Amino acid sequence: MTSNYIRALALRHAALERQIETEMKAPLPDTLKIMRLKKLRLACRDSLRDAISRKRRARSHRNIPSAPPGHPARLTMPSQMPGEA
């Protein structure tokens, strides 16, 4: 999954939320339309969660170290901090 796909799902979810709010503020809200919009919003939310979790799993399965060798985040002993003699 790409970040663009996740971004598109998030935008779609926000647009559905705005449509629901607009319809609910109408003088005579169409409850059937609101129910359909809410179902679409929930489906979008589920797809968004799935896409994010797949992306996180893919990232965690790569064999990339958390920090390059010699980076302060990988140093374990305080005496190894850069700039100390």
C-alpha atoms as a PDB file:
ATOM      1  CA  MET A   1       0.000   0.000   0.000  1.00  0.00           C
ATOM      2  CA  THR A   2       1.244   3.408  -0.812  1.00  0.00           C
ATOM      3  CA  SER A   3       0.941   6.536   1.227  1.00  0.00           C
ATOM      4  CA  ASN A   4      -1.146   8.030  -1.596  1.00  0.00           C
ATOM      5  CA  TYR A   5      -3.748   5.291  -1.172  1.00  0.00           C
ATOM      6  CA  ILE A   6      -3.883   5.868   2.574  1.00  0.00           C
ATOM      7  CA  ARG A   7      -4.124   9.620   2.044  1.00  0.00           C
ATOM      8  CA  ALA A   8      -6.964   9.133  -0.470  1.00  0.00           C
ATOM      9  CA  LEU A   9      -8.861   6.937   1.992  1.00  0.00           C
ATOM     10  CA  ALA A  10      -8.416   9.527   4.749  1.00  0.00           C
ATOM     11  CA  LEU A  11      -9.704  12.278   2.452  1.00  0.00           C
ATOM     12  CA  ARG A  12     -12.677  10.133   1.427  1.00  0.00           C
ATOM     13  CA  HIS A  13     -13.469   9.440   5.096  1.00  0.00           C
ATOM     14  CA  ALA A  14     -13.360  13.167   5.896  1.00  0.00           C
ATOM     15  CA  ALA A  15     -15.566  13.991   2.905  1.00  0.00           C
ATOM     16  CA  LEU A  16     -18.138  11.414   4.008  1.00  0.00           C
ATOM     17  CA  GLU A  17     -18.064  12.857   7.522  1.00  0.00           C
ATOM     18  CA  ARG A  18     -18.787  16.338   6.125  1.00  0.00           C
ATOM     19  CA  GLN A  19     -21.643  14.975   3.995  1.00  0.00           C
ATOM     20  CA  ILE A  20     -23.174  13.292   7.042  1.00  0.00           C
ATOM     21  CA  GLU A  21     -22.918  16.484   9.088  1.00  0.00           C
ATOM     22  CA  THR A  22     -24.438  18.557   6.281  1.00  0.00           C
ATOM     23  CA  GLU A  23     -27.336  16.149   5.831  1.00  0.00           C
ATOM     24  CA  MET A  24     -28.001  16.003   9.573  1.00  0.00           C
ATOM     25  CA  LYS A  25     -28.218  19.823   9.708  1.00  0.00           C
ATOM     26  CA  ALA A  26     -30.804  19.925   6.909  1.00  0.00           C
ATOM     27  CA  PRO A  27     -34.326  21.014   7.883  1.00  0.00           C
ATOM     28  CA  LEU A  28     -35.649  17.567   6.911  1.00  0.00           C
ATOM     29  CA  PRO A  29     -32.683  15.162   7.077  1.00  0.00           C
ATOM     30  CA  ASP A  30     -32.897  12.133   4.777  1.00  0.00           C
ATOM     31  CA  THR A  31     -32.298   9.346   7.288  1.00  0.00           C
ATOM     32  CA  LEU A  32     -31.833   6.718   4.566  1.00  0.00           C
ATOM     33  CA  LYS A  33     -29.122   8.828   2.941  1.00  0.00           C
ATOM     34  CA  ILE A  34     -27.461   9.355   6.329  1.00  0.00           C
ATOM     35  CA  MET A  35     -27.465   5.598   6.981  1.00  0.00           C
ATOM     36  CA  ARG A  36     -25.894   4.925   3.565  1.00  0.00           C
ATOM     37  CA  LEU A  37     -23.238   7.587   4.138  1.00  0.00           C
ATOM     38  CA  LYS A  38     -22.435   6.174   7.571  1.00  0.00           C
ATOM     39  CA  LYS A  39     -22.010   2.672   6.139  1.00  0.00           C
ATOM     40  CA  LEU A  40     -19.686   4.042   3.462  1.00  0.00           C
ATOM     41  CA  ARG A  41     -17.740   5.951   6.099  1.00  0.00           C
ATOM     42  CA  LEU A  42     -17.340   2.829   8.242  1.00  0.00           C
ATOM     43  CA  ALA A  43     -16.211   0.774   5.240  1.00  0.00           C
ATOM     44  CA  CYS A  44     -13.718   3.514   4.398  1.00  0.00           C
ATOM     45  CA  ARG A  45     -12.458   3.554   7.988  1.00  0.00           C
ATOM     46  CA  ASP A  46     -11.991  -0.224   7.951  1.00  0.00           C
ATOM     47  CA  SER A  47     -10.083  -0.047   4.667  1.00  0.00           C
ATOM     48  CA  LEU A  48      -7.940   2.725   6.097  1.00  0.00           C
ATOM     49  CA  ARG A  49      -7.117   0.686   9.213  1.00  0.00           C
ATOM     50  CA  ASP A  50      -6.261  -2.353   7.088  1.00  0.00           C
ATOM     51  CA  ALA A  51      -4.024  -0.327   4.781  1.00  0.00           C
ATOM     52  CA  ILE A  52      -2.171   1.256   7.696  1.00  0.00           C
ATOM     53  CA  SER A  53      -1.651  -2.066   9.468  1.00  0.00           C
ATOM     54  CA  ARG A  54      -0.407  -3.720   6.243  1.00  0.00           C
ATOM     55  CA  LYS A  55       2.020  -0.870   5.728  1.00  0.00           C
ATOM     56  CA  ARG A  56       3.280  -1.162   9.323  1.00  0.00           C
ATOM     57  CA  ARG A  57       3.673  -4.942   8.998  1.00  0.00           C
ATOM     58  CA  ALA A  58       5.573  -4.542   5.729  1.00  0.00           C
ATOM     59  CA  ARG A  59       7.852  -1.970   7.334  1.00  0.00           C
ATOM     60  CA  SER A  60       8.530  -4.178  10.361  1.00  0.00           C
ATOM     61  CA  HIS A  61       9.395  -7.195   8.192  1.00  0.00           C
ATOM     62  CA  ARG A  62      12.196  -5.384   6.386  1.00  0.00           C
ATOM     63  CA  ASN A  63      15.708  -6.044   7.634  1.00  0.00           C
ATOM     64  CA  ILE A  64      16.565  -2.385   8.075  1.00  0.00           C
ATOM     65  CA  PRO A  65      18.312  -1.463  11.332  1.00  0.00           C
ATOM     66  CA  SER A  66      16.610   1.205  13.380  1.00  0.00           C
ATOM     67  CA  ALA A  67      19.699   3.428  13.182  1.00  0.00           C
ATOM     68  CA  PRO A  68      22.912   3.198  11.173  1.00  0.00           C
ATOM     69  CA  PRO A  69      26.061   1.885  12.903  1.00  0.00           C
ATOM     70  CA  GLY A  70      27.757   4.569  14.964  1.00  0.00           C
ATOM     71  CA  HIS A  71      24.548   6.594  15.307  1.00  0.00           C
ATOM     72  CA  PRO A  72      23.950   7.823  18.888  1.00  0.00           C
ATOM     73  CA  ALA A  73      20.686   5.856  19.038  1.00  0.00           C
ATOM     74  CA  ARG A  74      22.628   2.596  18.624  1.00  0.00           C
ATOM     75  CA  LEU A  75      25.254   3.356  21.258  1.00  0.00           C
ATOM     76  CA  THR A  76      24.597   1.553  24.491  1.00  0.00           C
ATOM     77  CA  MET A  77      27.176   2.882  26.934  1.00  0.00           C
ATOM     78  CA  PRO A  78      27.168   6.526  28.086  1.00  0.00           C
ATOM     79  CA  SER A  79      30.955   6.674  27.648  1.00  0.00           C
ATOM     80  CA  GLN A  80      30.449   6.156  23.918  1.00  0.00           C
ATOM     81  CA  MET A  81      28.519   9.381  23.405  1.00  0.00           C
ATOM     82  CA  PRO A  82      29.996  11.544  20.633  1.00  0.00           C
ATOM     83  CA  GLY A  83      32.170  14.424  21.788  1.00  0.00           C
ATOM     84  CA  GLU A  84      33.275  12.721  24.995  1.00  0.00           C
ATOM     85  CA  ALA A  85      36.898  11.745  25.528  1.00  0.00           C
END
